[in-house]
PDB file of N, CA and C in Angstrom:
ATOM      1  N   MET A   1      54.473 276.288 129.778  1.00  0.00           N
ATOM      2  CA  MET A   1      53.590 277.010 128.786  1.00  0.00           C
ATOM      3  C   MET A   1      52.584 277.655 129.461  1.00  0.00           C
ATOM      4  N   SER A   2      52.429 279.250 129.358  1.00  0.00           N
ATOM      5  CA  SER A   2      51.221 279.604 129.837  1.00  0.00           C
ATOM      6  C   SER A   2      49.955 279.696 128.985  1.00  0.00           C
ATOM      7  N   HIS A   3      48.971 280.047 129.557  1.00  0.00           N
ATOM      8  CA  HIS A   3      47.746 279.894 129.071  1.00  0.00           C
ATOM      9  C   HIS A   3      47.502 281.364 128.149  1.00  0.00           C
ATOM     10  N   LEU A   4      47.096 281.302 127.133  1.00  0.00           N
ATOM     11  CA  LEU A   4      46.844 282.499 126.593  1.00  0.00           C
ATOM     12  C   LEU A   4      46.193 283.941 127.099  1.00  0.00           C
ATOM     13  N   TRP A   5      44.721 283.056 128.069  1.00  0.00           N
ATOM     14  CA  TRP A   5      43.965 284.254 128.708  1.00  0.00           C
ATOM     15  C   TRP A   5      44.446 284.508 130.128  1.00  0.00           C
ATOM     16  N   LYS A   6      45.626 283.875 130.417  1.00  0.00           N
ATOM     17  CA  LYS A   6      46.088 284.258 131.753  1.00  0.00           C
ATOM     18  C   LYS A   6      46.263 285.612 132.050  1.00  0.00           C
ATOM     19  N   SER A   7      45.745 286.313 133.038  1.00  0.00           N
ATOM     20  CA  SER A   7      45.959 287.564 133.391  1.00  0.00           C
ATOM     21  C   SER A   7      47.602 287.909 133.684  1.00  0.00           C
ATOM     22  N   LYS A   8      47.837 289.079 133.260  1.00  0.00           N
ATOM     23  CA  LYS A   8      49.025 289.639 133.815  1.00  0.00           C
ATOM     24  C   LYS A   8      49.415 290.510 134.770  1.00  0.00           C
ATOM     25  N   GLY A   9      47.729 290.405 135.594  1.00  0.00           N
ATOM     26  CA  GLY A   9      48.380 291.043 136.704  1.00  0.00           C
ATOM     27  C   GLY A   9      47.221 292.542 136.413  1.00  0.00           C
ATOM     28  N   ASP A  10      46.950 292.842 135.116  1.00  0.00           N
ATOM     29  CA  ASP A  10      46.526 294.077 134.993  1.00  0.00           C
ATOM     30  C   ASP A  10      44.771 293.655 134.942  1.00  0.00           C
ATOM     31  N   LYS A  11      44.025 293.919 136.088  1.00  0.00           N
ATOM     32  CA  LYS A  11      42.480 293.694 136.199  1.00  0.00           C
ATOM     33  C   LYS A  11      41.771 294.776 135.756  1.00  0.00           C
ATOM     34  N   ARG A  12      40.827 294.623 134.901  1.00  0.00           N
ATOM     35  CA  ARG A  12      40.068 295.496 134.229  1.00  0.00           C
ATOM     36  C   ARG A  12      38.500 294.769 134.353  1.00  0.00           C
ATOM     37  N   THR A  13      37.356 296.101 134.838  1.00  0.00           N
ATOM     38  CA  THR A  13      36.126 295.695 135.096  1.00  0.00           C
ATOM     39  C   THR A  13      35.455 296.329 133.822  1.00  0.00           C
ATOM     40  N   ILE A  14      34.517 295.506 133.303  1.00  0.00           N
ATOM     41  CA  ILE A  14      33.696 296.113 132.295  1.00  0.00           C
ATOM     42  C   ILE A  14      32.526 296.095 132.838  1.00  0.00           C
ATOM     43  N   SER A  15      31.858 297.191 132.484  1.00  0.00           N
ATOM     44  CA  SER A  15      30.155 297.401 133.084  1.00  0.00           C
ATOM     45  C   SER A  15      29.757 298.129 131.947  1.00  0.00           C
ATOM     46  N   PHE A  16      28.214 298.037 131.946  1.00  0.00           N
ATOM     47  CA  PHE A  16      27.476 298.856 130.942  1.00  0.00           C
ATOM     48  C   PHE A  16      26.093 298.485 131.589  1.00  0.00           C
ATOM     49  N   TYR A  17      25.410 299.523 131.173  1.00  0.00           N
ATOM     50  CA  TYR A  17      23.957 299.920 131.721  1.00  0.00           C
ATOM     51  C   TYR A  17      22.833 298.805 131.009  1.00  0.00           C
ATOM     52  N   TYR A  18      22.237 298.318 131.892  1.00  0.00           N
ATOM     53  CA  TYR A  18      21.167 297.424 131.211  1.00  0.00           C
ATOM     54  C   TYR A  18      19.832 297.815 132.167  1.00  0.00           C
ATOM     55  N   ASN A  19      18.776 298.136 131.446  1.00  0.00           N
ATOM     56  CA  ASN A  19      17.679 298.278 131.905  1.00  0.00           C
ATOM     57  C   ASN A  19      16.397 297.173 131.609  1.00  0.00           C
ATOM     58  N   PRO A  20      16.299 296.110 132.334  1.00  0.00           N
ATOM     59  CA  PRO A  20      15.368 295.031 131.928  1.00  0.00           C
ATOM     60  C   PRO A  20      14.145 295.500 131.472  1.00  0.00           C
ATOM     61  N   ASP A  21      13.461 294.877 130.721  1.00  0.00           N
ATOM     62  CA  ASP A  21      11.861 294.997 130.277  1.00  0.00           C
ATOM     63  C   ASP A  21      11.128 294.942 131.229  1.00  0.00           C
ATOM     64  N   ASP A  22       9.843 295.777 131.443  1.00  0.00           N
ATOM     65  CA  ASP A  22       9.015 295.548 132.589  1.00  0.00           C
ATOM     66  C   ASP A  22       8.580 294.125 132.661  1.00  0.00           C
ATOM     67  N   ASN A  23       8.343 293.720 131.625  1.00  0.00           N
ATOM     68  CA  ASN A  23       7.817 291.968 131.702  1.00  0.00           C
ATOM     69  C   ASN A  23       8.728 291.131 132.268  1.00  0.00           C
ATOM     70  N   ILE A  24      10.123 291.170 131.960  1.00  0.00           N
ATOM     71  CA  ILE A  24      11.000 290.565 132.809  1.00  0.00           C
ATOM     72  C   ILE A  24      10.955 290.751 133.972  1.00  0.00           C
ATOM     73  N   ILE A  25      11.000 291.793 134.549  1.00  0.00           N
ATOM     74  CA  ILE A  25      10.733 292.000 135.932  1.00  0.00           C
ATOM     75  C   ILE A  25       9.581 291.549 136.727  1.00  0.00           C
ATOM     76  N   LYS A  26       8.399 291.667 135.877  1.00  0.00           N
ATOM     77  CA  LYS A  26       7.236 290.995 136.510  1.00  0.00           C
ATOM     78  C   LYS A  26       7.466 289.721 136.616  1.00  0.00           C
ATOM     79  N   TYR A  27       7.849 288.893 135.694  1.00  0.00           N
ATOM     80  CA  TYR A  27       8.021 287.699 135.574  1.00  0.00           C
ATOM     81  C   TYR A  27       8.962 287.071 136.672  1.00  0.00           C
ATOM     82  N   LEU A  28      10.177 287.940 137.141  1.00  0.00           N
ATOM     83  CA  LEU A  28      11.076 287.390 138.089  1.00  0.00           C
ATOM     84  C   LEU A  28      10.245 287.610 139.571  1.00  0.00           C
ATOM     85  N   GLU A  29       9.587 288.831 139.685  1.00  0.00           N
ATOM     86  CA  GLU A  29       8.856 289.053 140.666  1.00  0.00           C
ATOM     87  C   GLU A  29       7.950 287.754 141.308  1.00  0.00           C
ATOM     88  N   ASP A  30       7.246 287.501 139.780  1.00  0.00           N
ATOM     89  CA  ASP A  30       6.048 286.524 139.985  1.00  0.00           C
ATOM     90  C   ASP A  30       6.494 285.055 140.630  1.00  0.00           C
ATOM     91  N   MET A  31       7.729 284.709 139.842  1.00  0.00           N
ATOM     92  CA  MET A  31       8.378 283.681 140.198  1.00  0.00           C
ATOM     93  C   MET A  31       9.198 283.261 141.665  1.00  0.00           C
ATOM     94  N   ARG A  32       9.542 284.606 142.264  1.00  0.00           N
ATOM     95  CA  ARG A  32       9.925 285.153 143.483  1.00  0.00           C
ATOM     96  C   ARG A  32       9.062 284.584 144.509  1.00  0.00           C
ATOM     97  N   ASP A  33       7.784 285.355 144.385  1.00  0.00           N
ATOM     98  CA  ASP A  33       6.466 285.040 145.326  1.00  0.00           C
ATOM     99  C   ASP A  33       6.234 283.385 145.164  1.00  0.00           C
ATOM    100  N   LEU A  34       6.157 283.088 143.962  1.00  0.00           N
ATOM    101  CA  LEU A  34       5.685 281.674 143.941  1.00  0.00           C
ATOM    102  C   LEU A  34       6.522 280.693 144.698  1.00  0.00           C
ATOM    103  N   ILE A  35       7.739 280.723 144.157  1.00  0.00           N
ATOM    104  CA  ILE A  35       9.040 279.952 144.904  1.00  0.00           C
ATOM    105  C   ILE A  35       8.771 280.022 146.573  1.00  0.00           C
ATOM    106  N   ASN A  36       8.397 281.304 147.183  1.00  0.00           N
ATOM    107  CA  ASN A  36       8.435 281.293 148.532  1.00  0.00           C
ATOM    108  C   ASN A  36       7.036 280.723 148.926  1.00  0.00           C
ATOM    109  N   LYS A  37       5.971 280.676 148.290  1.00  0.00           N
ATOM    110  CA  LYS A  37       5.029 280.038 148.619  1.00  0.00           C
ATOM    111  C   LYS A  37       5.250 278.540 148.514  1.00  0.00           C
ATOM    112  N   ALA A  38       5.558 277.916 147.454  1.00  0.00           N
ATOM    113  CA  ALA A  38       6.186 276.768 147.400  1.00  0.00           C
ATOM    114  C   ALA A  38       6.744 276.079 148.697  1.00  0.00           C
ATOM    115  N   ILE A  39       7.706 276.893 149.075  1.00  0.00           N
ATOM    116  CA  ILE A  39       8.664 276.408 150.108  1.00  0.00           C
ATOM    117  C   ILE A  39       7.821 276.438 151.385  1.00  0.00           C
ATOM    118  N   ILE A  40       6.944 277.191 151.606  1.00  0.00           N
ATOM    119  CA  ILE A  40       5.869 277.239 152.953  1.00  0.00           C
ATOM    120  C   ILE A  40       4.689 276.195 152.700  1.00  0.00           C
ATOM    121  N   ASN A  41       4.428 276.000 151.414  1.00  0.00           N
ATOM    122  CA  ASN A  41       3.535 274.726 151.342  1.00  0.00           C
ATOM    123  C   ASN A  41       4.230 273.470 151.545  1.00  0.00           C
ATOM    124  N   ALA A  42       5.346 273.256 151.177  1.00  0.00           N
ATOM    125  CA  ALA A  42       6.398 272.231 151.085  1.00  0.00           C
ATOM    126  C   ALA A  42       6.353 271.926 152.703  1.00  0.00           C
ATOM    127  N   TYR A  43       6.647 272.823 153.235  1.00  0.00           N
ATOM    128  CA  TYR A  43       6.972 272.560 154.801  1.00  0.00           C
ATOM    129  C   TYR A  43       5.587 272.348 155.295  1.00  0.00           C
ATOM    130  N   SER A  44       4.632 272.849 154.936  1.00  0.00           N
ATOM    131  CA  SER A  44       3.223 272.438 155.845  1.00  0.00           C
ATOM    132  C   SER A  44       2.951 271.289 155.608  1.00  0.00           C
ATOM    133  N   ILE A  45       3.076 270.656 154.311  1.00  0.00           N
ATOM    134  CA  ILE A  45       2.680 269.483 153.514  1.00  0.00           C
ATOM    135  C   ILE A  45       3.759 268.291 154.493  1.00  0.00           C
ATOM    136  N   ALA A  46       4.916 268.601 154.564  1.00  0.00           N
ATOM    137  CA  ALA A  46       5.781 267.558 155.345  1.00  0.00           C
ATOM    138  C   ALA A  46       5.500 267.318 156.547  1.00  0.00           C
ATOM    139  N   LYS A  47       5.077 268.833 157.126  1.00  0.00           N
ATOM    140  CA  LYS A  47       5.029 268.653 158.666  1.00  0.00           C
ATOM    141  C   LYS A  47       3.667 267.659 159.160  1.00  0.00           C
ATOM    142  N   SER A  48       2.888 267.716 158.110  1.00  0.00           N
ATOM    143  CA  SER A  48       1.446 266.812 158.297  1.00  0.00           C
ATOM    144  C   SER A  48       1.647 265.582 157.973  1.00  0.00           C
ATOM    145  N   ASN A  49       2.654 265.283 157.038  1.00  0.00           N
ATOM    146  CA  ASN A  49       2.959 263.794 156.495  1.00  0.00           C
ATOM    147  C   ASN A  49       4.109 263.365 157.030  1.00  0.00           C
ATOM    148  N   ASN A  50       4.303 263.331 158.196  1.00  0.00           N
ATOM    149  CA  ASN A  50       5.597 262.615 158.901  1.00  0.00           C
ATOM    150  C   ASN A  50       6.918 262.970 158.461  1.00  0.00           C
ATOM    151  N   ASN A  51       7.008 264.299 158.330  1.00  0.00           N
ATOM    152  CA  ASN A  51       8.171 264.854 157.823  1.00  0.00           C
ATOM    153  C   ASN A  51       8.836 264.388 156.411  1.00  0.00           C
ATOM    154  N   GLU A  52       7.667 263.882 155.642  1.00  0.00           N
ATOM    155  CA  GLU A  52       7.891 263.355 154.301  1.00  0.00           C
ATOM    156  C   GLU A  52       7.798 264.382 153.357  1.00  0.00           C
ATOM    157  N   LEU A  53       8.858 265.144 152.427  1.00  0.00           N
ATOM    158  CA  LEU A  53       8.539 265.912 151.682  1.00  0.00           C
ATOM    159  C   LEU A  53       7.384 265.541 150.327  1.00  0.00           C
ATOM    160  N   PRO A  54       6.777 266.634 150.272  1.00  0.00           N
ATOM    161  CA  PRO A  54       5.748 265.962 149.189  1.00  0.00           C
ATOM    162  C   PRO A  54       6.161 265.760 147.730  1.00  0.00           C
ATOM    163  N   SER A  55       5.779 265.004 146.915  1.00  0.00           N
ATOM    164  CA  SER A  55       6.099 265.137 145.168  1.00  0.00           C
ATOM    165  C   SER A  55       5.746 266.236 144.576  1.00  0.00           C
ATOM    166  N   PRO A  56       6.781 266.364 143.709  1.00  0.00           N
ATOM    167  CA  PRO A  56       6.404 267.676 142.743  1.00  0.00           C
ATOM    168  C   PRO A  56       5.105 267.807 142.250  1.00  0.00           C
ATOM    169  N   ILE A  57       4.306 266.583 141.946  1.00  0.00           N
ATOM    170  CA  ILE A  57       2.891 266.568 141.624  1.00  0.00           C
ATOM    171  C   ILE A  57       2.109 267.246 142.616  1.00  0.00           C
ATOM    172  N   THR A  58       2.226 266.758 143.709  1.00  0.00           N
ATOM    173  CA  THR A  58       1.553 267.175 144.921  1.00  0.00           C
ATOM    174  C   THR A  58       1.874 268.687 145.154  1.00  0.00           C
ATOM    175  N   LEU A  59       3.023 268.932 145.274  1.00  0.00           N
ATOM    176  CA  LEU A  59       3.161 270.612 145.630  1.00  0.00           C
ATOM    177  C   LEU A  59       2.849 271.221 144.540  1.00  0.00           C
ATOM    178  N   ARG A  60       2.833 270.841 143.169  1.00  0.00           N
ATOM    179  CA  ARG A  60       2.077 271.675 142.345  1.00  0.00           C
ATOM    180  C   ARG A  60       0.695 271.716 142.123  1.00  0.00           C
ATOM    181  N   ARG A  61      -0.022 270.719 142.716  1.00  0.00           N
ATOM    182  CA  ARG A  61      -1.343 270.880 143.021  1.00  0.00           C
ATOM    183  C   ARG A  61      -1.972 271.748 143.952  1.00  0.00           C
ATOM    184  N   SER A  62      -1.057 271.798 145.143  1.00  0.00           N
ATOM    185  CA  SER A  62      -1.016 272.838 146.244  1.00  0.00           C
ATOM    186  C   SER A  62      -1.095 274.330 145.772  1.00  0.00           C
ATOM    187  N   LEU A  63      -0.514 274.638 144.560  1.00  0.00           N
ATOM    188  CA  LEU A  63      -0.228 275.650 144.103  1.00  0.00           C
ATOM    189  C   LEU A  63      -0.888 276.025 142.894  1.00  0.00           C
ATOM    190  N   LYS A  64      -1.645 275.307 142.672  1.00  0.00           N
ATOM    191  CA  LYS A  64      -2.656 275.627 141.085  1.00  0.00           C
ATOM    192  C   LYS A  64      -3.210 276.827 141.129  1.00  0.00           C
ATOM    193  N   LYS A  65      -3.937 277.229 142.478  1.00  0.00           N
ATOM    194  CA  LYS A  65      -4.670 278.335 142.339  1.00  0.00           C
ATOM    195  C   LYS A  65      -3.710 279.682 142.348  1.00  0.00           C
ATOM    196  N   TYR A  66      -2.410 279.546 142.144  1.00  0.00           N
ATOM    197  CA  TYR A  66      -1.438 280.612 142.310  1.00  0.00           C
ATOM    198  C   TYR A  66      -0.939 280.982 141.007  1.00  0.00           C
ATOM    199  N   TYR A  67      -1.188 280.114 139.813  1.00  0.00           N
ATOM    200  CA  TYR A  67      -0.497 280.226 138.654  1.00  0.00           C
ATOM    201  C   TYR A  67      -1.595 280.735 137.850  1.00  0.00           C
ATOM    202  N   ASP A  68      -1.140 281.563 136.625  1.00  0.00           N
ATOM    203  CA  ASP A  68      -2.028 282.293 135.847  1.00  0.00           C
ATOM    204  C   ASP A  68      -1.878 281.376 134.421  1.00  0.00           C
ATOM    205  N   ASN A  69      -3.054 280.661 134.374  1.00  0.00           N
ATOM    206  CA  ASN A  69      -2.704 279.996 133.163  1.00  0.00           C
ATOM    207  C   ASN A  69      -3.126 280.353 131.889  1.00  0.00           C
ATOM    208  N   ASN A  70      -3.099 281.560 131.729  1.00  0.00           N
ATOM    209  CA  ASN A  70      -2.995 282.323 130.426  1.00  0.00           C
ATOM    210  C   ASN A  70      -1.526 282.739 129.902  1.00  0.00           C
ATOM    211  N   ILE A  71      -0.725 282.376 130.958  1.00  0.00           N
ATOM    212  CA  ILE A  71       0.918 282.505 130.728  1.00  0.00           C
ATOM    213  C   ILE A  71       1.631 281.190 130.745  1.00  0.00           C
ATOM    214  N   ASP A  72       2.155 281.294 129.606  1.00  0.00           N
ATOM    215  CA  ASP A  72       2.967 280.050 128.921  1.00  0.00           C
ATOM    216  C   ASP A  72       3.932 279.467 130.054  1.00  0.00           C
ATOM    217  N   TYR A  73       4.699 279.947 131.021  1.00  0.00           N
ATOM    218  CA  TYR A  73       5.618 279.727 131.711  1.00  0.00           C
ATOM    219  C   TYR A  73       4.707 279.102 133.040  1.00  0.00           C
ATOM    220  N   ALA A  74       3.454 279.274 133.025  1.00  0.00           N
ATOM    221  CA  ALA A  74       2.936 278.715 134.139  1.00  0.00           C
ATOM    222  C   ALA A  74       1.978 277.370 133.960  1.00  0.00           C
ATOM    223  N   LYS A  75       1.938 276.923 132.844  1.00  0.00           N
ATOM    224  CA  LYS A  75       1.262 275.463 132.307  1.00  0.00           C
ATOM    225  C   LYS A  75       2.289 274.526 132.633  1.00  0.00           C
TER     226      LYS A  75
END
């Protein structure tokens, strides 16, 4: 018995136009920059700490000045 959703060889691509809100773009850019900074900080802390990765709390504290505390996702 074949699966009801199994393709019969006829492939179709569905596409639609989506323009995300400027707030979403800004959020994603901010998070990208913060993740890059976190990677750099984690490497730096590990290098000075016998190659041991920092705890999430230590890493968060090292990035505190980069968070905007007026935004919910940064708290």
